[in-house]
PDB file of N, CA and C in Angstrom:
ATOM      1  N   MET A   1       0.831  -1.179   0.000  1.00  0.00           N
ATOM      2  CA  MET A   1       0.000   0.000   0.000  1.00  0.00           C
ATOM      3  C   MET A   1       0.880   1.248   0.000  1.00  0.00           C
ATOM      4  N   LYS A   2       0.519   2.201  -0.828  1.00  0.00           N
ATOM      5  CA  LYS A   2       1.230   3.479  -0.845  1.00  0.00           C
ATOM      6  C   LYS A   2       0.840   4.291   0.390  1.00  0.00           C
ATOM      7  N   PRO A   3       1.763   5.092   0.890  1.00  0.00           N
ATOM      8  CA  PRO A   3       1.379   6.020   1.966  1.00  0.00           C
ATOM      9  C   PRO A   3       0.308   6.975   1.443  1.00  0.00           C
ATOM     10  N   ARG A   4      -0.575   7.380   2.344  1.00  0.00           N
ATOM     11  CA  ARG A   4      -1.666   8.284   1.962  1.00  0.00           C
ATOM     12  C   ARG A   4      -1.575   9.586   2.742  1.00  0.00           C
ATOM     13  N   VAL A   5      -1.822  10.671   2.028  1.00  0.00           N
ATOM     14  CA  VAL A   5      -1.936  11.988   2.627  1.00  0.00           C
ATOM     15  C   VAL A   5      -3.404  12.379   2.540  1.00  0.00           C
ATOM     16  N   TYR A   6      -4.030  12.595   3.690  1.00  0.00           N
ATOM     17  CA  TYR A   6      -5.414  13.048   3.747  1.00  0.00           C
ATOM     18  C   TYR A   6      -5.375  14.555   4.004  1.00  0.00           C
ATOM     19  N   HIS A   7      -5.779  15.327   3.019  1.00  0.00           N
ATOM     20  CA  HIS A   7      -5.651  16.784   3.090  1.00  0.00           C
ATOM     21  C   HIS A   7      -6.964  17.449   2.699  1.00  0.00           C
ATOM     22  N   ASP A   8      -7.088  18.706   3.075  1.00  0.00           N
ATOM     23  CA  ASP A   8      -8.271  19.489   2.740  1.00  0.00           C
ATOM     24  C   ASP A   8      -8.015  20.224   1.430  1.00  0.00           C
ATOM     25  N   GLY A   9      -8.606  19.725   0.363  1.00  0.00           N
ATOM     26  CA  GLY A   9      -8.438  20.345  -0.943  1.00  0.00           C
ATOM     27  C   GLY A   9      -9.086  21.712  -1.054  1.00  0.00           C
ATOM     28  N   GLY A  10      -9.875  22.099  -0.059  1.00  0.00           N
ATOM     29  CA  GLY A  10     -10.489  23.419  -0.049  1.00  0.00           C
ATOM     30  C   GLY A  10      -9.613  24.480   0.598  1.00  0.00           C
ATOM     31  N   CYS A  11      -8.437  24.102   1.036  1.00  0.00           N
ATOM     32  CA  CYS A  11      -7.519  25.028   1.711  1.00  0.00           C
ATOM     33  C   CYS A  11      -6.411  25.445   0.740  1.00  0.00           C
ATOM     34  N   PRO A  12      -6.395  26.723   0.312  1.00  0.00           N
ATOM     35  CA  PRO A  12      -5.362  27.164  -0.627  1.00  0.00           C
ATOM     36  C   PRO A  12      -3.938  26.969  -0.113  1.00  0.00           C
ATOM     37  N   ILE A  13      -3.728  27.162   1.184  1.00  0.00           N
ATOM     38  CA  ILE A  13      -2.377  26.994   1.750  1.00  0.00           C
ATOM     39  C   ILE A  13      -1.967  25.520   1.691  1.00  0.00           C
ATOM     40  N   CYS A  14      -2.883  24.647   2.073  1.00  0.00           N
ATOM     41  CA  CYS A  14      -2.599  23.204   2.038  1.00  0.00           C
ATOM     42  C   CYS A  14      -2.296  22.760   0.605  1.00  0.00           C
ATOM     43  N   ASN A  15      -3.046  23.304  -0.338  1.00  0.00           N
ATOM     44  CA  ASN A  15      -2.886  22.913  -1.737  1.00  0.00           C
ATOM     45  C   ASN A  15      -1.522  23.266  -2.302  1.00  0.00           C
ATOM     46  N   ILE A  16      -0.904  24.308  -1.778  1.00  0.00           N
ATOM     47  CA  ILE A  16       0.440  24.679  -2.248  1.00  0.00           C
ATOM     48  C   ILE A  16       1.407  23.527  -1.970  1.00  0.00           C
ATOM     49  N   GLU A  17       1.399  23.023  -0.750  1.00  0.00           N
ATOM     50  CA  GLU A  17       2.315  21.934  -0.401  1.00  0.00           C
ATOM     51  C   GLU A  17       1.950  20.641  -1.120  1.00  0.00           C
ATOM     52  N   ILE A  18       0.664  20.336  -1.200  1.00  0.00           N
ATOM     53  CA  ILE A  18       0.233  19.102  -1.860  1.00  0.00           C
ATOM     54  C   ILE A  18       0.610  19.139  -3.332  1.00  0.00           C
ATOM     55  N   GLN A  19       0.384  20.270  -3.990  1.00  0.00           N
ATOM     56  CA  GLN A  19       0.735  20.381  -5.400  1.00  0.00           C
ATOM     57  C   GLN A  19       2.242  20.257  -5.596  1.00  0.00           C
ATOM     58  N   HIS A  20       3.009  20.827  -4.682  1.00  0.00           N
ATOM     59  CA  HIS A  20       4.471  20.709  -4.741  1.00  0.00           C
ATOM     60  C   HIS A  20       4.894  19.238  -4.662  1.00  0.00           C
ATOM     61  N   LEU A  21       4.298  18.491  -3.732  1.00  0.00           N
ATOM     62  CA  LEU A  21       4.621  17.074  -3.606  1.00  0.00           C
ATOM     63  C   LEU A  21       4.223  16.302  -4.872  1.00  0.00           C
ATOM     64  N   LYS A  22       3.065  16.617  -5.412  1.00  0.00           N
ATOM     65  CA  LYS A  22       2.617  15.950  -6.642  1.00  0.00           C
ATOM     66  C   LYS A  22       3.571  16.262  -7.793  1.00  0.00           C
ATOM     67  N   ASN A  23       3.970  17.526  -7.912  1.00  0.00           N
ATOM     68  CA  ASN A  23       4.876  17.934  -8.997  1.00  0.00           C
ATOM     69  C   ASN A  23       6.234  17.255  -8.891  1.00  0.00           C
ATOM     70  N   GLN A  24       6.642  16.930  -7.671  1.00  0.00           N
ATOM     71  CA  GLN A  24       7.920  16.237  -7.475  1.00  0.00           C
ATOM     72  C   GLN A  24       7.802  14.737  -7.737  1.00  0.00           C
ATOM     73  N   GLY A  25       6.590  14.261  -7.975  1.00  0.00           N
ATOM     74  CA  GLY A  25       6.392  12.860  -8.334  1.00  0.00           C
ATOM     75  C   GLY A  25       6.431  11.879  -7.177  1.00  0.00           C
ATOM     76  N   HIS A  26       6.132  12.334  -5.981  1.00  0.00           N
ATOM     77  CA  HIS A  26       6.146  11.424  -4.839  1.00  0.00           C
ATOM     78  C   HIS A  26       5.052  10.378  -4.981  1.00  0.00           C
ATOM     79  N   GLU A  27       5.378   9.175  -4.595  1.00  0.00           N
ATOM     80  CA  GLU A  27       4.473   8.036  -4.733  1.00  0.00           C
ATOM     81  C   GLU A  27       3.525   7.926  -3.542  1.00  0.00           C
ATOM     82  N   PHE A  28       2.824   9.010  -3.270  1.00  0.00           N
ATOM     83  CA  PHE A  28       1.832   9.020  -2.206  1.00  0.00           C
ATOM     84  C   PHE A  28       0.458   8.983  -2.855  1.00  0.00           C
ATOM     85  N   GLU A  29      -0.490   8.463  -2.128  1.00  0.00           N
ATOM     86  CA  GLU A  29      -1.876   8.574  -2.556  1.00  0.00           C
ATOM     87  C   GLU A  29      -2.431   9.817  -1.863  1.00  0.00           C
ATOM     88  N   PHE A  30      -2.949  10.742  -2.650  1.00  0.00           N
ATOM     89  CA  PHE A  30      -3.470  11.984  -2.106  1.00  0.00           C
ATOM     90  C   PHE A  30      -4.992  11.880  -2.019  1.00  0.00           C
ATOM     91  N   VAL A  31      -5.523  12.044  -0.815  1.00  0.00           N
ATOM     92  CA  VAL A  31      -6.957  11.917  -0.580  1.00  0.00           C
ATOM     93  C   VAL A  31      -7.486  13.277  -0.131  1.00  0.00           C
ATOM     94  N   ASP A  32      -8.365  13.838  -0.930  1.00  0.00           N
ATOM     95  CA  ASP A  32      -8.960  15.137  -0.619  1.00  0.00           C
ATOM     96  C   ASP A  32     -10.185  14.912   0.264  1.00  0.00           C
ATOM     97  N   VAL A  33     -10.086  15.321   1.515  1.00  0.00           N
ATOM     98  CA  VAL A  33     -11.177  15.091   2.462  1.00  0.00           C
ATOM     99  C   VAL A  33     -12.343  16.052   2.257  1.00  0.00           C
ATOM    100  N   SER A  34     -12.158  17.046   1.376  1.00  0.00           N
ATOM    101  CA  SER A  34     -13.257  17.978   1.116  1.00  0.00           C
ATOM    102  C   SER A  34     -14.209  17.467   0.035  1.00  0.00           C
ATOM    103  N   CYS A  35     -13.882  16.352  -0.594  1.00  0.00           N
ATOM    104  CA  CYS A  35     -14.760  15.774  -1.616  1.00  0.00           C
ATOM    105  C   CYS A  35     -16.028  15.251  -0.949  1.00  0.00           C
ATOM    106  N   PRO A  36     -17.173  15.461  -1.591  1.00  0.00           N
ATOM    107  CA  PRO A  36     -18.438  15.039  -0.974  1.00  0.00           C
ATOM    108  C   PRO A  36     -18.530  13.542  -0.695  1.00  0.00           C
ATOM    109  N   ASP A  37     -17.824  12.723  -1.452  1.00  0.00           N
ATOM    110  CA  ASP A  37     -17.907  11.277  -1.253  1.00  0.00           C
ATOM    111  C   ASP A  37     -16.830  10.729  -0.308  1.00  0.00           C
ATOM    112  N   PHE A  38     -16.052  11.624   0.334  1.00  0.00           N
ATOM    113  CA  PHE A  38     -15.013  11.176   1.254  1.00  0.00           C
ATOM    114  C   PHE A  38     -15.638  10.521   2.477  1.00  0.00           C
ATOM    115  N   ASP A  39     -15.089   9.370   2.856  1.00  0.00           N
ATOM    116  CA  ASP A  39     -15.532   8.643   4.052  1.00  0.00           C
ATOM    117  C   ASP A  39     -14.357   8.576   5.025  1.00  0.00           C
ATOM    118  N   PRO A  40     -14.472   9.199   6.192  1.00  0.00           N
ATOM    119  CA  PRO A  40     -13.359   9.218   7.140  1.00  0.00           C
ATOM    120  C   PRO A  40     -13.167   7.904   7.894  1.00  0.00           C
ATOM    121  N   GLY A  41     -13.924   6.882   7.537  1.00  0.00           N
ATOM    122  CA  GLY A  41     -13.844   5.601   8.243  1.00  0.00           C
ATOM    123  C   GLY A  41     -12.449   5.003   8.279  1.00  0.00           C
ATOM    124  N   ASP A  42     -11.673   5.156   7.194  1.00  0.00           N
ATOM    125  CA  ASP A  42     -10.304   4.623   7.172  1.00  0.00           C
ATOM    126  C   ASP A  42      -9.429   5.241   8.260  1.00  0.00           C
ATOM    127  N   LEU A  43      -9.744   6.476   8.622  1.00  0.00           N
ATOM    128  CA  LEU A  43      -8.942   7.190   9.613  1.00  0.00           C
ATOM    129  C   LEU A  43      -9.417   6.945  11.037  1.00  0.00           C
ATOM    130  N   GLY A  44     -10.621   6.444  11.195  1.00  0.00           N
ATOM    131  CA  GLY A  44     -11.159   6.226  12.528  1.00  0.00           C
ATOM    132  C   GLY A  44     -11.536   7.512  13.241  1.00  0.00           C
ATOM    133  N   VAL A  45     -11.838   8.559  12.459  1.00  0.00           N
ATOM    134  CA  VAL A  45     -12.244   9.848  13.026  1.00  0.00           C
ATOM    135  C   VAL A  45     -13.516  10.299  12.322  1.00  0.00           C
ATOM    136  N   ASP A  46     -14.125  11.348  12.864  1.00  0.00           N
ATOM    137  CA  ASP A  46     -15.299  11.902  12.193  1.00  0.00           C
ATOM    138  C   ASP A  46     -14.846  12.842  11.062  1.00  0.00           C
ATOM    139  N   TRP A  47     -15.818  13.265  10.265  1.00  0.00           N
ATOM    140  CA  TRP A  47     -15.503  14.091   9.096  1.00  0.00           C
ATOM    141  C   TRP A  47     -14.850  15.410   9.501  1.00  0.00           C
ATOM    142  N   LYS A  48     -15.352  16.038  10.571  1.00  0.00           N
ATOM    143  CA  LYS A  48     -14.822  17.336  11.017  1.00  0.00           C
ATOM    144  C   LYS A  48     -13.351  17.221  11.415  1.00  0.00           C
ATOM    145  N   THR A  49     -13.005  16.167  12.133  1.00  0.00           N
ATOM    146  CA  THR A  49     -11.613  15.952  12.543  1.00  0.00           C
ATOM    147  C   THR A  49     -10.737  15.671  11.327  1.00  0.00           C
ATOM    148  N   ALA A  50     -11.257  14.890  10.393  1.00  0.00           N
ATOM    149  CA  ALA A  50     -10.498  14.589   9.174  1.00  0.00           C
ATOM    150  C   ALA A  50     -10.197  15.854   8.392  1.00  0.00           C
ATOM    151  N   GLN A  51     -11.141  16.781   8.392  1.00  0.00           N
ATOM    152  CA  GLN A  51     -10.937  18.017   7.637  1.00  0.00           C
ATOM    153  C   GLN A  51     -10.064  19.013   8.396  1.00  0.00           C
ATOM    154  N   TYR A  52     -10.122  18.990   9.703  1.00  0.00           N
ATOM    155  CA  TYR A  52      -9.392  19.963  10.516  1.00  0.00           C
ATOM    156  C   TYR A  52      -7.885  19.712  10.514  1.00  0.00           C
ATOM    157  N   TRP A  53      -7.490  18.438  10.617  1.00  0.00           N
ATOM    158  CA  TRP A  53      -6.079  18.064  10.724  1.00  0.00           C
ATOM    159  C   TRP A  53      -5.605  17.349   9.470  1.00  0.00           C
ATOM    160  N   LEU A  54      -4.370  17.568   9.103  1.00  0.00           N
ATOM    161  CA  LEU A  54      -3.732  16.743   8.083  1.00  0.00           C
ATOM    162  C   LEU A  54      -3.556  15.348   8.673  1.00  0.00           C
ATOM    163  N   HIS A  55      -3.770  14.322   7.868  1.00  0.00           N
ATOM    164  CA  HIS A  55      -3.549  12.935   8.309  1.00  0.00           C
ATOM    165  C   HIS A  55      -2.616  12.233   7.334  1.00  0.00           C
ATOM    166  N   TRP A  56      -1.834  11.334   7.867  1.00  0.00           N
ATOM    167  CA  TRP A  56      -0.891  10.530   7.088  1.00  0.00           C
ATOM    168  C   TRP A  56      -1.105   9.083   7.490  1.00  0.00           C
ATOM    169  N   MET A  57      -1.265   8.225   6.496  1.00  0.00           N
ATOM    170  CA  MET A  57      -1.325   6.793   6.760  1.00  0.00           C
ATOM    171  C   MET A  57      -0.112   6.180   6.083  1.00  0.00           C
ATOM    172  N   ASP A  58       0.755   5.557   6.877  1.00  0.00           N
ATOM    173  CA  ASP A  58       1.961   4.978   6.295  1.00  0.00           C
ATOM    174  C   ASP A  58       1.630   3.660   5.590  1.00  0.00           C
ATOM    175  N   SER A  59       2.619   3.075   4.975  1.00  0.00           N
ATOM    176  CA  SER A  59       2.401   1.861   4.182  1.00  0.00           C
ATOM    177  C   SER A  59       1.997   0.657   5.037  1.00  0.00           C
ATOM    178  N   ASP A  60       2.180   0.755   6.346  1.00  0.00           N
ATOM    179  CA  ASP A  60       1.740  -0.307   7.261  1.00  0.00           C
ATOM    180  C   ASP A  60       0.353  -0.036   7.847  1.00  0.00           C
ATOM    181  N   GLY A  61      -0.271   1.074   7.453  1.00  0.00           N
ATOM    182  CA  GLY A  61      -1.608   1.404   7.932  1.00  0.00           C
ATOM    183  C   GLY A  61      -1.642   2.209   9.221  1.00  0.00           C
ATOM    184  N   ARG A  62      -0.462   2.621   9.736  1.00  0.00           N
ATOM    185  CA  ARG A  62      -0.440   3.470  10.935  1.00  0.00           C
ATOM    186  C   ARG A  62      -0.863   4.883  10.545  1.00  0.00           C
ATOM    187  N   ILE A  63      -1.651   5.514  11.415  1.00  0.00           N
ATOM    188  CA  ILE A  63      -2.192   6.839  11.123  1.00  0.00           C
ATOM    189  C   ILE A  63      -1.559   7.876  12.043  1.00  0.00           C
ATOM    190  N   TYR A  64      -1.180   8.993  11.442  1.00  0.00           N
ATOM    191  CA  TYR A  64      -0.609  10.128  12.158  1.00  0.00           C
ATOM    192  C   TYR A  64      -1.483  11.341  11.863  1.00  0.00           C
ATOM    193  N   GLN A  65      -1.569  12.232  12.834  1.00  0.00           N
ATOM    194  CA  GLN A  65      -2.458  13.387  12.708  1.00  0.00           C
ATOM    195  C   GLN A  65      -1.710  14.663  13.039  1.00  0.00           C
ATOM    196  N   GLY A  66      -2.044  15.745  12.351  1.00  0.00           N
ATOM    197  CA  GLY A  66      -1.500  17.058  12.670  1.00  0.00           C
ATOM    198  C   GLY A  66      -0.018  17.174  12.371  1.00  0.00           C
ATOM    199  N   TYR A  67       0.706  17.702  13.340  1.00  0.00           N
ATOM    200  CA  TYR A  67       2.139  17.939  13.152  1.00  0.00           C
ATOM    201  C   TYR A  67       2.884  16.640  12.852  1.00  0.00           C
ATOM    202  N   GLU A  68       2.510  15.568  13.548  1.00  0.00           N
ATOM    203  CA  GLU A  68       3.169  14.276  13.309  1.00  0.00           C
ATOM    204  C   GLU A  68       2.923  13.794  11.880  1.00  0.00           C
ATOM    205  N   ALA A  69       1.736  14.070  11.343  1.00  0.00           N
ATOM    206  CA  ALA A  69       1.448  13.710   9.952  1.00  0.00           C
ATOM    207  C   ALA A  69       2.364  14.479   9.006  1.00  0.00           C
ATOM    208  N   ASN A  70       2.569  15.760   9.292  1.00  0.00           N
ATOM    209  CA  ASN A  70       3.497  16.544   8.485  1.00  0.00           C
ATOM    210  C   ASN A  70       4.898  15.986   8.560  1.00  0.00           C
ATOM    211  N   LEU A  71       5.339  15.661   9.770  1.00  0.00           N
ATOM    212  CA  LEU A  71       6.685  15.094   9.925  1.00  0.00           C
ATOM    213  C   LEU A  71       6.855  13.824   9.098  1.00  0.00           C
ATOM    214  N   MET A  72       5.889  12.930   9.182  1.00  0.00           N
ATOM    215  CA  MET A  72       5.986  11.672   8.435  1.00  0.00           C
ATOM    216  C   MET A  72       5.996  11.930   6.928  1.00  0.00           C
ATOM    217  N   MET A  73       5.156  12.853   6.485  1.00  0.00           N
ATOM    218  CA  MET A  73       5.104  13.190   5.066  1.00  0.00           C
ATOM    219  C   MET A  73       6.436  13.799   4.616  1.00  0.00           C
ATOM    220  N   TRP A  74       6.973  14.718   5.412  1.00  0.00           N
ATOM    221  CA  TRP A  74       8.249  15.339   5.056  1.00  0.00           C
ATOM    222  C   TRP A  74       9.385  14.322   5.039  1.00  0.00           C
ATOM    223  N   LYS A  75       9.392  13.406   6.007  1.00  0.00           N
ATOM    224  CA  LYS A  75      10.428  12.368   6.030  1.00  0.00           C
ATOM    225  C   LYS A  75      10.322  11.486   4.794  1.00  0.00           C
ATOM    226  N   ALA A  76       9.111  11.071   4.452  1.00  0.00           N
ATOM    227  CA  ALA A  76       8.913  10.211   3.280  1.00  0.00           C
ATOM    228  C   ALA A  76       9.271  10.931   1.987  1.00  0.00           C
ATOM    229  N   ALA A  77       9.117  12.254   1.974  1.00  0.00           N
ATOM    230  CA  ALA A  77       9.447  13.046   0.794  1.00  0.00           C
ATOM    231  C   ALA A  77      10.910  13.500   0.802  1.00  0.00           C
ATOM    232  N   ASN A  78      11.663  13.050   1.802  1.00  0.00           N
ATOM    233  CA  ASN A  78      13.086  13.408   1.937  1.00  0.00           C
ATOM    234  C   ASN A  78      13.315  14.917   1.995  1.00  0.00           C
ATOM    235  N   LYS A  79      12.444  15.610   2.713  1.00  0.00           N
ATOM    236  CA  LYS A  79      12.602  17.060   2.877  1.00  0.00           C
ATOM    237  C   LYS A  79      13.718  17.314   3.886  1.00  0.00           C
ATOM    238  N   PRO A  80      14.627  18.225   3.565  1.00  0.00           N
ATOM    239  CA  PRO A  80      15.780  18.451   4.445  1.00  0.00           C
ATOM    240  C   PRO A  80      15.406  18.969   5.827  1.00  0.00           C
ATOM    241  N   TRP A  81      14.275  19.647   5.968  1.00  0.00           N
ATOM    242  CA  TRP A  81      13.872  20.199   7.256  1.00  0.00           C
ATOM    243  C   TRP A  81      13.178  19.178   8.163  1.00  0.00           C
ATOM    244  N   ALA A  82      12.898  17.993   7.656  1.00  0.00           N
ATOM    245  CA  ALA A  82      12.171  16.984   8.444  1.00  0.00           C
ATOM    246  C   ALA A  82      12.938  16.599   9.706  1.00  0.00           C
ATOM    247  N   ARG A  83      14.225  16.415   9.578  1.00  0.00           N
ATOM    248  CA  ARG A  83      15.022  16.013  10.746  1.00  0.00           C
ATOM    249  C   ARG A  83      15.023  17.109  11.809  1.00  0.00           C
ATOM    250  N   PHE A  84      15.190  18.352  11.366  1.00  0.00           N
ATOM    251  CA  PHE A  84      15.168  19.487  12.286  1.00  0.00           C
ATOM    252  C   PHE A  84      13.798  19.611  12.951  1.00  0.00           C
ATOM    253  N   ALA A  85      12.736  19.505  12.158  1.00  0.00           N
ATOM    254  CA  ALA A  85      11.371  19.657  12.671  1.00  0.00           C
ATOM    255  C   ALA A  85      11.010  18.562  13.670  1.00  0.00           C
ATOM    256  N   GLY A  86      11.653  17.415  13.556  1.00  0.00           N
ATOM    257  CA  GLY A  86      11.385  16.317  14.467  1.00  0.00           C
ATOM    258  C   GLY A  86      12.266  16.295  15.706  1.00  0.00           C
ATOM    259  N   HIS A  87      13.215  17.221  15.793  1.00  0.00           N
ATOM    260  CA  HIS A  87      14.113  17.269  16.942  1.00  0.00           C
ATOM    261  C   HIS A  87      13.307  17.492  18.226  1.00  0.00           C
ATOM    262  N   PRO A  88      13.670  16.811  19.313  1.00  0.00           N
ATOM    263  CA  PRO A  88      12.912  16.928  20.567  1.00  0.00           C
ATOM    264  C   PRO A  88      12.772  18.358  21.101  1.00  0.00           C
ATOM    265  N   TRP A  89      13.683  19.240  20.758  1.00  0.00           N
ATOM    266  CA  TRP A  89      13.581  20.618  21.231  1.00  0.00           C
ATOM    267  C   TRP A  89      12.726  21.464  20.289  1.00  0.00           C
ATOM    268  N   VAL A  90      12.617  21.048  19.045  1.00  0.00           N
ATOM    269  CA  VAL A  90      11.882  21.825  18.041  1.00  0.00           C
ATOM    270  C   VAL A  90      10.433  21.370  17.919  1.00  0.00           C
ATOM    271  N   ALA A  91      10.205  20.074  18.007  1.00  0.00           N
ATOM    272  CA  ALA A  91       8.870  19.514  17.772  1.00  0.00           C
ATOM    273  C   ALA A  91       7.780  20.118  18.665  1.00  0.00           C
ATOM    274  N   PRO A  92       8.018  20.353  19.976  1.00  0.00           N
ATOM    275  CA  PRO A  92       6.943  20.955  20.782  1.00  0.00           C
ATOM    276  C   PRO A  92       6.511  22.330  20.262  1.00  0.00           C
ATOM    277  N   PHE A  93       7.470  23.120  19.840  1.00  0.00           N
ATOM    278  CA  PHE A  93       7.153  24.430  19.258  1.00  0.00           C
ATOM    279  C   PHE A  93       6.417  24.244  17.931  1.00  0.00           C
ATOM    280  N   GLY A  94       6.863  23.286  17.129  1.00  0.00           N
ATOM    281  CA  GLY A  94       6.205  22.986  15.860  1.00  0.00           C
ATOM    282  C   GLY A  94       4.756  22.575  16.053  1.00  0.00           C
ATOM    283  N   ARG A  95       4.499  21.802  17.092  1.00  0.00           N
ATOM    284  CA  ARG A  95       3.120  21.384  17.381  1.00  0.00           C
ATOM    285  C   ARG A  95       2.241  22.587  17.715  1.00  0.00           C
ATOM    286  N   LEU A  96       2.785  23.520  18.486  1.00  0.00           N
ATOM    287  CA  LEU A  96       2.029  24.736  18.822  1.00  0.00           C
ATOM    288  C   LEU A  96       1.734  25.561  17.570  1.00  0.00           C
ATOM    289  N   VAL A  97       2.738  25.712  16.731  1.00  0.00           N
ATOM    290  CA  VAL A  97       2.546  26.475  15.495  1.00  0.00           C
ATOM    291  C   VAL A  97       1.525  25.779  14.597  1.00  0.00           C
ATOM    292  N   TYR A  98       1.615  24.454  14.512  1.00  0.00           N
ATOM    293  CA  TYR A  98       0.660  23.719  13.684  1.00  0.00           C
ATOM    294  C   TYR A  98      -0.765  23.882  14.217  1.00  0.00           C
ATOM    295  N   LYS A  99      -0.942  23.807  15.543  1.00  0.00           N
ATOM    296  CA  LYS A  99      -2.282  23.981  16.122  1.00  0.00           C
ATOM    297  C   LYS A  99      -2.838  25.359  15.799  1.00  0.00           C
ATOM    298  N   ALA A 100      -1.990  26.386  15.888  1.00  0.00           N
ATOM    299  CA  ALA A 100      -2.433  27.741  15.546  1.00  0.00           C
ATOM    300  C   ALA A 100      -2.780  27.820  14.062  1.00  0.00           C
ATOM    301  N   PHE A 101      -1.942  27.215  13.224  1.00  0.00           N
ATOM    302  CA  PHE A 101      -2.223  27.200  11.792  1.00  0.00           C
ATOM    303  C   PHE A 101      -3.550  26.509  11.510  1.00  0.00           C
ATOM    304  N   ALA A 102      -3.779  25.351  12.117  1.00  0.00           N
ATOM    305  CA  ALA A 102      -5.020  24.599  11.886  1.00  0.00           C
ATOM    306  C   ALA A 102      -6.234  25.419  12.302  1.00  0.00           C
ATOM    307  N   ARG A 103      -6.092  26.112  13.391  1.00  0.00           N
ATOM    308  CA  ARG A 103      -7.219  26.912  13.887  1.00  0.00           C
ATOM    309  C   ARG A 103      -7.532  28.091  12.968  1.00  0.00           C
ATOM    310  N   PHE A 104      -6.505  28.727  12.421  1.00  0.00           N
ATOM    311  CA  PHE A 104      -6.701  29.948  11.641  1.00  0.00           C
ATOM    312  C   PHE A 104      -6.478  29.769  10.141  1.00  0.00           C
ATOM    313  N   ARG A 105      -6.377  28.525   9.678  1.00  0.00           N
ATOM    314  CA  ARG A 105      -6.075  28.330   8.264  1.00  0.00           C
ATOM    315  C   ARG A 105      -7.215  28.771   7.352  1.00  0.00           C
ATOM    316  N   GLY A 106      -8.449  28.774   7.863  1.00  0.00           N
ATOM    317  CA  GLY A 106      -9.575  29.254   7.067  1.00  0.00           C
ATOM    318  C   GLY A 106      -9.381  30.702   6.653  1.00  0.00           C
ATOM    319  N   PRO A 107      -9.251  31.618   7.628  1.00  0.00           N
ATOM    320  CA  PRO A 107      -9.015  33.020   7.264  1.00  0.00           C
ATOM    321  C   PRO A 107      -7.691  33.230   6.526  1.00  0.00           C
ATOM    322  N   LEU A 108      -6.640  32.523   6.967  1.00  0.00           N
ATOM    323  CA  LEU A 108      -5.353  32.640   6.263  1.00  0.00           C
ATOM    324  C   LEU A 108      -5.478  32.149   4.826  1.00  0.00           C
ATOM    325  N   GLY A 109      -6.201  31.049   4.649  1.00  0.00           N
ATOM    326  CA  GLY A 109      -6.407  30.498   3.319  1.00  0.00           C
ATOM    327  C   GLY A 109      -7.167  31.446   2.417  1.00  0.00           C
ATOM    328  N   ASN A 110      -8.142  32.162   2.988  1.00  0.00           N
ATOM    329  CA  ASN A 110      -8.881  33.141   2.195  1.00  0.00           C
ATOM    330  C   ASN A 110      -7.963  34.250   1.696  1.00  0.00           C
ATOM    331  N   ILE A 111      -7.064  34.707   2.564  1.00  0.00           N
ATOM    332  CA  ILE A 111      -6.112  35.754   2.175  1.00  0.00           C
ATOM    333  C   ILE A 111      -5.178  35.231   1.089  1.00  0.00           C
ATOM    334  N   VAL A 112      -4.613  34.045   1.314  1.00  0.00           N
ATOM    335  CA  VAL A 112      -3.699  33.460   0.330  1.00  0.00           C
ATOM    336  C   VAL A 112      -4.433  33.185  -0.981  1.00  0.00           C
ATOM    337  N   GLY A 113      -5.663  32.675  -0.883  1.00  0.00           N
ATOM    338  CA  GLY A 113      -6.446  32.395  -2.077  1.00  0.00           C
ATOM    339  C   GLY A 113      -6.682  33.631  -2.915  1.00  0.00           C
ATOM    340  N   LYS A 114      -6.976  34.769  -2.261  1.00  0.00           N
ATOM    341  CA  LYS A 114      -7.167  36.038  -2.986  1.00  0.00           C
ATOM    342  C   LYS A 114      -5.861  36.504  -3.604  1.00  0.00           C
ATOM    343  N   PHE A 115      -4.774  36.310  -2.865  1.00  0.00           N
ATOM    344  CA  PHE A 115      -3.463  36.728  -3.359  1.00  0.00           C
ATOM    345  C   PHE A 115      -3.047  35.910  -4.576  1.00  0.00           C
ATOM    346  N   LEU A 116      -3.355  34.604  -4.553  1.00  0.00           N
ATOM    347  CA  LEU A 116      -2.951  33.716  -5.641  1.00  0.00           C
ATOM    348  C   LEU A 116      -3.928  33.727  -6.816  1.00  0.00           C
ATOM    349  N   ALA A 117      -5.122  34.275  -6.596  1.00  0.00           N
ATOM    350  CA  ALA A 117      -6.127  34.268  -7.665  1.00  0.00           C
ATOM    351  C   ALA A 117      -5.624  35.071  -8.856  1.00  0.00           C
ATOM    352  N   LYS A 118      -5.839  34.522 -10.002  1.00  0.00           N
ATOM    353  CA  LYS A 118      -5.430  35.195 -11.217  1.00  0.00           C
ATOM    354  C   LYS A 118      -6.512  36.205 -11.610  1.00  0.00           C
ATOM    355  N   PRO A 119      -6.114  37.425 -11.968  1.00  0.00           N
ATOM    356  CA  PRO A 119      -7.125  38.413 -12.367  1.00  0.00           C
ATOM    357  C   PRO A 119      -7.828  37.958 -13.643  1.00  0.00           C
ATOM    358  N   SER A 120      -9.143  38.226 -13.702  1.00  0.00           N
ATOM    359  CA  SER A 120      -9.875  37.807 -14.892  1.00  0.00           C
ATOM    360  C   SER A 120     -10.035  38.914 -15.885  1.00  0.00           C
TER     361      SER A 120
END
């Protein structure tokens, strides 16, 4: 089984990273939790939780949520910052930043979405 990234396709900020990973050709399965037919049963969470947090399912079926999901995704994608982000002194701060991001990503996403929108 390929590792899976469960992401909110309705979030412009999230889409930047997901599109970057896709463009690099990573062999992940990308699951958009904002699709109407998405079933969060594989994750063992409700729909709201699935949409609120990034989730990662590794090839063994283990599920990671939030900051840990990002760490696993970055490690699997061989991102140079993954080791630093996982350091015991850095990770607690990273978790706080991720929680703040998750809470405010809606308004932040609206700003980024307007900024990235192409003029018609």
